[in-house]
Amino acid sequence: MVPAIEDASIDTTTANGRLIFAFFTGLAEFKHELIVERTRAGLESTRACGRHDGRPFKMTPARLRLTQAALGRPETEVAEPGVPRQTLYRHVTSKGEIRPDGETLLARWARAAS
């Protein structure tokens, strides 16, 4: 029969308590560093394969070209389902010209296609 442990707390006022506390702290830090190291290695591996991590992009080259054509005509009101207005204007100016984020989007999709 195993005796019941009445007081399972660590008394950090004694040398033994501080040693046990330091040991558990060291194990927790070691485990945390292992998780961080493995996460970074996984992200690097994903990027090396050409994939990106995170949420998929709402804006596609087809939507970009459609928005660019629509904004080129002054009577057109921009409303693309599934893409917020802010995202549209981040990629295309109000005159239908492609902004730097739009250029980056097209370059990224061209690299992925090849």
N, C-alpha and C. Protein backbone atom coordinates (compact mmCIF):
# COMPACT_ATOMS: atom_id res chain seq x y z
N MET A 1 0.83 -1.18 0.00
CA MET A 1 0.00 0.00 0.00
C MET A 1 0.88 1.25 0.00
N VAL A 2 0.50 2.20 -0.85
CA VAL A 2 1.27 3.43 -0.98
C VAL A 2 0.75 4.46 0.02
N PRO A 3 1.66 5.07 0.76
CA PRO A 3 1.20 6.08 1.72
C PRO A 3 0.67 7.32 0.99
N ALA A 4 -0.35 7.94 1.52
CA ALA A 4 -0.94 9.14 0.92
C ALA A 4 -0.02 10.33 1.15
N ILE A 5 0.09 11.16 0.13
CA ILE A 5 0.89 12.37 0.24
C ILE A 5 -0.04 13.49 0.69
N GLU A 6 0.21 13.98 1.88
CA GLU A 6 -0.67 15.01 2.42
C GLU A 6 -0.32 16.39 1.89
N ASP A 7 0.97 16.68 1.81
CA ASP A 7 1.40 18.01 1.38
C ASP A 7 2.30 17.86 0.15
N ALA A 8 1.75 18.09 -1.04
CA ALA A 8 2.51 17.90 -2.28
C ALA A 8 3.14 19.18 -2.77
N SER A 9 3.11 20.25 -1.99
CA SER A 9 3.71 21.51 -2.44
C SER A 9 5.22 21.49 -2.20
N ILE A 10 5.91 22.32 -2.94
CA ILE A 10 7.37 22.41 -2.81
C ILE A 10 7.69 23.59 -1.89
N ASP A 11 8.44 23.31 -0.84
CA ASP A 11 8.83 24.36 0.10
C ASP A 11 10.12 25.00 -0.42
N THR A 12 10.01 26.19 -1.00
CA THR A 12 11.18 26.84 -1.61
C THR A 12 12.02 27.59 -0.59
N THR A 13 11.69 27.47 0.67
CA THR A 13 12.54 28.11 1.69
C THR A 13 13.69 27.20 2.11
N THR A 14 13.64 25.93 1.73
CA THR A 14 14.71 25.00 2.07
C THR A 14 15.58 24.74 0.83
N ALA A 15 16.74 24.23 1.05
CA ALA A 15 17.67 23.93 -0.04
C ALA A 15 17.10 22.84 -0.95
N ASN A 16 16.49 21.82 -0.36
CA ASN A 16 15.90 20.74 -1.15
C ASN A 16 14.76 21.28 -2.03
N GLY A 17 13.92 22.12 -1.49
CA GLY A 17 12.81 22.69 -2.24
C GLY A 17 13.29 23.55 -3.41
N ARG A 18 14.33 24.36 -3.17
CA ARG A 18 14.88 25.19 -4.25
C ARG A 18 15.51 24.34 -5.33
N LEU A 19 16.16 23.22 -4.96
CA LEU A 19 16.76 22.32 -5.94
C LEU A 19 15.69 21.69 -6.82
N ILE A 20 14.63 21.20 -6.21
CA ILE A 20 13.55 20.57 -6.98
C ILE A 20 12.89 21.61 -7.88
N PHE A 21 12.65 22.80 -7.34
CA PHE A 21 12.03 23.87 -8.12
C PHE A 21 12.91 24.24 -9.31
N ALA A 22 14.21 24.35 -9.10
CA ALA A 22 15.14 24.68 -10.18
C ALA A 22 15.17 23.57 -11.22
N PHE A 23 15.08 22.33 -10.77
CA PHE A 23 15.08 21.20 -11.69
C PHE A 23 13.84 21.22 -12.58
N PHE A 24 12.66 21.42 -11.99
CA PHE A 24 11.43 21.49 -12.77
C PHE A 24 11.44 22.69 -13.72
N THR A 25 11.98 23.80 -13.27
CA THR A 25 12.07 24.99 -14.12
C THR A 25 12.98 24.71 -15.32
N GLY A 26 14.09 24.05 -15.07
CA GLY A 26 15.01 23.70 -16.16
C GLY A 26 14.36 22.76 -17.17
N LEU A 27 13.59 21.80 -16.69
CA LEU A 27 12.89 20.89 -17.60
C LEU A 27 11.86 21.64 -18.45
N ALA A 28 11.14 22.56 -17.82
CA ALA A 28 10.12 23.33 -18.55
C ALA A 28 10.77 24.20 -19.63
N GLU A 29 11.89 24.84 -19.29
CA GLU A 29 12.60 25.67 -20.28
C GLU A 29 13.14 24.81 -21.42
N PHE A 30 13.66 23.64 -21.09
CA PHE A 30 14.18 22.73 -22.11
C PHE A 30 13.07 22.31 -23.07
N LYS A 31 11.92 21.95 -22.52
CA LYS A 31 10.79 21.54 -23.35
C LYS A 31 10.33 22.69 -24.25
N HIS A 32 10.28 23.89 -23.70
CA HIS A 32 9.88 25.06 -24.49
C HIS A 32 10.85 25.31 -25.64
N GLU A 33 12.14 25.23 -25.37
CA GLU A 33 13.15 25.44 -26.41
C GLU A 33 13.05 24.37 -27.50
N LEU A 34 12.77 23.13 -27.12
CA LEU A 34 12.59 22.07 -28.12
C LEU A 34 11.41 22.36 -29.04
N ILE A 35 10.31 22.83 -28.46
CA ILE A 35 9.12 23.15 -29.25
C ILE A 35 9.43 24.28 -30.22
N VAL A 36 10.11 25.33 -29.74
CA VAL A 36 10.46 26.47 -30.60
C VAL A 36 11.38 26.03 -31.73
N GLU A 37 12.37 25.22 -31.40
CA GLU A 37 13.33 24.74 -32.39
C GLU A 37 12.64 23.90 -33.47
N ARG A 38 11.77 23.03 -33.06
CA ARG A 38 11.07 22.17 -34.02
C ARG A 38 10.09 22.97 -34.88
N THR A 39 9.44 23.96 -34.29
CA THR A 39 8.52 24.81 -35.05
C THR A 39 9.28 25.58 -36.12
N ARG A 40 10.40 26.16 -35.75
CA ARG A 40 11.22 26.91 -36.73
C ARG A 40 11.71 26.00 -37.85
N ALA A 41 12.14 24.79 -37.50
CA ALA A 41 12.62 23.85 -38.52
C ALA A 41 11.48 23.47 -39.47
N GLY A 42 10.29 23.28 -38.93
CA GLY A 42 9.15 22.95 -39.77
C GLY A 42 8.78 24.08 -40.71
N LEU A 43 8.81 25.32 -40.21
CA LEU A 43 8.50 26.48 -41.06
C LEU A 43 9.55 26.65 -42.17
N GLU A 44 10.82 26.47 -41.83
CA GLU A 44 11.88 26.56 -42.84
C GLU A 44 11.72 25.48 -43.90
N SER A 45 11.35 24.28 -43.47
CA SER A 45 11.14 23.19 -44.40
C SER A 45 9.98 23.49 -45.35
N THR A 46 8.91 24.07 -44.81
CA THR A 46 7.75 24.40 -45.65
C THR A 46 8.13 25.46 -46.67
N ARG A 47 8.86 26.46 -46.23
CA ARG A 47 9.27 27.53 -47.16
C ARG A 47 10.22 27.00 -48.22
N ALA A 48 11.09 26.05 -47.84
CA ALA A 48 12.03 25.47 -48.80
C ALA A 48 11.30 24.69 -49.89
N CYS A 49 10.12 24.16 -49.55
CA CYS A 49 9.32 23.43 -50.54
C CYS A 49 8.50 24.36 -51.42
N GLY A 50 8.56 25.67 -51.13
CA GLY A 50 7.84 26.63 -51.96
C GLY A 50 6.44 26.94 -51.48
N ARG A 51 6.05 26.41 -50.36
CA ARG A 51 4.72 26.68 -49.83
C ARG A 51 4.81 27.80 -48.80
N HIS A 52 3.73 28.52 -48.61
CA HIS A 52 3.72 29.55 -47.58
C HIS A 52 2.85 29.08 -46.43
N ASP A 53 3.19 29.57 -45.25
CA ASP A 53 2.39 29.21 -44.09
C ASP A 53 1.38 30.33 -43.83
N GLY A 54 0.30 29.99 -43.22
CA GLY A 54 -0.70 30.99 -42.90
C GLY A 54 -1.96 30.83 -43.73
N ARG A 55 -2.79 31.82 -43.61
CA ARG A 55 -4.08 31.80 -44.29
C ARG A 55 -3.91 32.02 -45.78
N PRO A 56 -4.70 31.34 -46.62
CA PRO A 56 -4.61 31.54 -48.07
C PRO A 56 -5.02 32.97 -48.45
N PHE A 57 -4.45 33.46 -49.53
CA PHE A 57 -4.73 34.82 -49.99
C PHE A 57 -6.12 34.89 -50.62
N LYS A 58 -6.84 35.96 -50.35
CA LYS A 58 -8.15 36.19 -50.96
C LYS A 58 -7.98 36.68 -52.39
N MET A 59 -6.97 37.51 -52.61
CA MET A 59 -6.77 38.11 -53.92
C MET A 59 -5.99 37.16 -54.82
N THR A 60 -6.51 36.94 -56.02
CA THR A 60 -5.85 36.10 -57.01
C THR A 60 -5.56 36.96 -58.23
N PRO A 61 -4.69 36.51 -59.12
CA PRO A 61 -4.41 37.30 -60.33
C PRO A 61 -5.67 37.56 -61.15
N ALA A 62 -6.58 36.58 -61.22
CA ALA A 62 -7.82 36.79 -61.98
C ALA A 62 -8.66 37.91 -61.36
N ARG A 63 -8.80 37.90 -60.05
CA ARG A 63 -9.55 38.96 -59.37
C ARG A 63 -8.84 40.29 -59.52
N LEU A 64 -7.51 40.28 -59.48
CA LEU A 64 -6.74 41.51 -59.64
C LEU A 64 -6.99 42.12 -61.02
N ARG A 65 -6.94 41.31 -62.04
CA ARG A 65 -7.17 41.80 -63.41
C ARG A 65 -8.61 42.29 -63.58
N LEU A 66 -9.57 41.58 -63.00
CA LEU A 66 -10.97 41.98 -63.07
C LEU A 66 -11.18 43.33 -62.38
N THR A 67 -10.59 43.49 -61.21
CA THR A 67 -10.69 44.74 -60.47
C THR A 67 -10.01 45.87 -61.22
N GLN A 68 -8.85 45.58 -61.80
CA GLN A 68 -8.11 46.58 -62.56
C GLN A 68 -8.95 47.07 -63.74
N ALA A 69 -9.59 46.15 -64.45
CA ALA A 69 -10.42 46.53 -65.59
C ALA A 69 -11.66 47.32 -65.14
N ALA A 70 -12.24 46.89 -64.02
CA ALA A 70 -13.44 47.58 -63.53
C ALA A 70 -13.12 48.99 -63.06
N LEU A 71 -12.00 49.16 -62.39
CA LEU A 71 -11.64 50.49 -61.90
C LEU A 71 -11.15 51.41 -63.01
N GLY A 72 -10.81 50.84 -64.14
CA GLY A 72 -10.40 51.66 -65.28
C GLY A 72 -11.56 52.45 -65.87
N ARG A 73 -12.79 51.98 -65.61
CA ARG A 73 -13.99 52.68 -66.08
C ARG A 73 -14.60 53.44 -64.91
N PRO A 74 -14.78 54.75 -65.02
CA PRO A 74 -15.23 55.55 -63.88
C PRO A 74 -16.65 55.23 -63.40
N GLU A 75 -17.52 54.71 -64.26
CA GLU A 75 -18.90 54.44 -63.84
C GLU A 75 -19.04 53.15 -63.05
N THR A 76 -17.97 52.35 -62.98
CA THR A 76 -18.03 51.05 -62.32
C THR A 76 -17.83 51.20 -60.82
N GLU A 77 -18.64 50.49 -60.05
CA GLU A 77 -18.47 50.43 -58.60
C GLU A 77 -17.85 49.09 -58.26
N VAL A 78 -16.83 49.12 -57.42
CA VAL A 78 -16.09 47.90 -57.10
C VAL A 78 -16.81 47.12 -56.02
N ALA A 79 -17.14 45.88 -56.34
CA ALA A 79 -17.73 44.96 -55.36
C ALA A 79 -17.39 43.55 -55.80
N GLU A 80 -16.37 42.99 -55.23
CA GLU A 80 -15.94 41.63 -55.55
C GLU A 80 -16.33 40.73 -54.39
N PRO A 81 -17.16 39.72 -54.61
CA PRO A 81 -17.58 38.86 -53.49
C PRO A 81 -16.41 38.13 -52.86
N GLY A 82 -16.36 38.14 -51.55
CA GLY A 82 -15.32 37.41 -50.82
C GLY A 82 -14.02 38.17 -50.63
N VAL A 83 -13.92 39.39 -51.18
CA VAL A 83 -12.70 40.18 -51.03
C VAL A 83 -13.08 41.54 -50.46
N PRO A 84 -12.54 41.90 -49.31
CA PRO A 84 -12.87 43.21 -48.74
C PRO A 84 -12.38 44.35 -49.64
N ARG A 85 -13.09 45.47 -49.58
CA ARG A 85 -12.74 46.64 -50.39
C ARG A 85 -11.31 47.11 -50.11
N GLN A 86 -10.90 47.04 -48.85
CA GLN A 86 -9.55 47.45 -48.47
C GLN A 86 -8.50 46.60 -49.19
N THR A 87 -8.76 45.31 -49.33
CA THR A 87 -7.83 44.43 -50.03
C THR A 87 -7.75 44.80 -51.51
N LEU A 88 -8.88 45.10 -52.11
CA LEU A 88 -8.89 45.50 -53.52
C LEU A 88 -8.04 46.75 -53.73
N TYR A 89 -8.26 47.76 -52.89
CA TYR A 89 -7.54 49.02 -53.06
C TYR A 89 -6.08 48.93 -52.61
N ARG A 90 -5.73 47.91 -51.86
CA ARG A 90 -4.32 47.71 -51.53
C ARG A 90 -3.53 47.23 -52.75
N HIS A 91 -4.23 46.54 -53.66
CA HIS A 91 -3.57 45.99 -54.85
C HIS A 91 -3.73 46.86 -56.09
N VAL A 92 -4.80 47.64 -56.17
CA VAL A 92 -5.10 48.44 -57.36
C VAL A 92 -5.50 49.85 -56.92
N THR A 93 -5.05 50.87 -57.65
CA THR A 93 -5.45 52.24 -57.34
C THR A 93 -6.87 52.48 -57.82
N SER A 94 -7.43 53.63 -57.46
CA SER A 94 -8.80 53.95 -57.86
C SER A 94 -8.91 54.20 -59.37
N LYS A 95 -7.77 54.39 -60.05
CA LYS A 95 -7.76 54.58 -61.51
C LYS A 95 -7.51 53.27 -62.25
N GLY A 96 -7.29 52.18 -61.52
CA GLY A 96 -7.09 50.88 -62.15
C GLY A 96 -5.63 50.51 -62.37
N GLU A 97 -4.72 51.27 -61.78
CA GLU A 97 -3.29 50.97 -61.92
C GLU A 97 -2.87 50.00 -60.81
N ILE A 98 -1.95 49.11 -61.13
CA ILE A 98 -1.51 48.11 -60.15
C ILE A 98 -0.53 48.75 -59.17
N ARG A 99 -0.77 48.52 -57.89
CA ARG A 99 0.12 49.01 -56.83
C ARG A 99 1.22 47.98 -56.57
N PRO A 100 2.22 48.32 -55.75
CA PRO A 100 3.31 47.37 -55.46
C PRO A 100 2.84 46.02 -54.90
N ASP A 101 1.80 46.03 -54.06
CA ASP A 101 1.29 44.75 -53.55
C ASP A 101 0.70 43.90 -54.67
N GLY A 102 0.10 44.55 -55.67
CA GLY A 102 -0.41 43.82 -56.83
C GLY A 102 0.71 43.22 -57.65
N GLU A 103 1.80 43.97 -57.81
CA GLU A 103 2.97 43.44 -58.53
C GLU A 103 3.54 42.23 -57.80
N THR A 104 3.62 42.32 -56.48
CA THR A 104 4.13 41.21 -55.69
C THR A 104 3.23 39.98 -55.84
N LEU A 105 1.92 40.20 -55.83
CA LEU A 105 0.97 39.10 -56.00
C LEU A 105 1.16 38.41 -57.34
N LEU A 106 1.27 39.18 -58.41
CA LEU A 106 1.45 38.59 -59.74
C LEU A 106 2.77 37.84 -59.84
N ALA A 107 3.83 38.40 -59.25
CA ALA A 107 5.14 37.73 -59.29
C ALA A 107 5.10 36.42 -58.50
N ARG A 108 4.42 36.42 -57.35
CA ARG A 108 4.33 35.22 -56.52
C ARG A 108 3.59 34.11 -57.26
N TRP A 109 2.48 34.46 -57.91
CA TRP A 109 1.70 33.46 -58.66
C TRP A 109 2.46 32.97 -59.88
N ALA A 110 3.25 33.84 -60.51
CA ALA A 110 4.05 33.42 -61.67
C ALA A 110 5.11 32.42 -61.24
N ARG A 111 5.74 32.66 -60.07
CA ARG A 111 6.75 31.72 -59.55
C ARG A 111 6.12 30.39 -59.20
N ALA A 112 4.92 30.43 -58.62
CA ALA A 112 4.24 29.20 -58.21
C ALA A 112 3.80 28.38 -59.43
N ALA A 113 3.46 29.06 -60.52
CA ALA A 113 3.00 28.36 -61.72
C ALA A 113 4.15 27.68 -62.45
N SER A 114 5.36 28.23 -62.30
CA SER A 114 6.50 27.65 -63.04
C SER A 114 7.20 26.57 -62.27
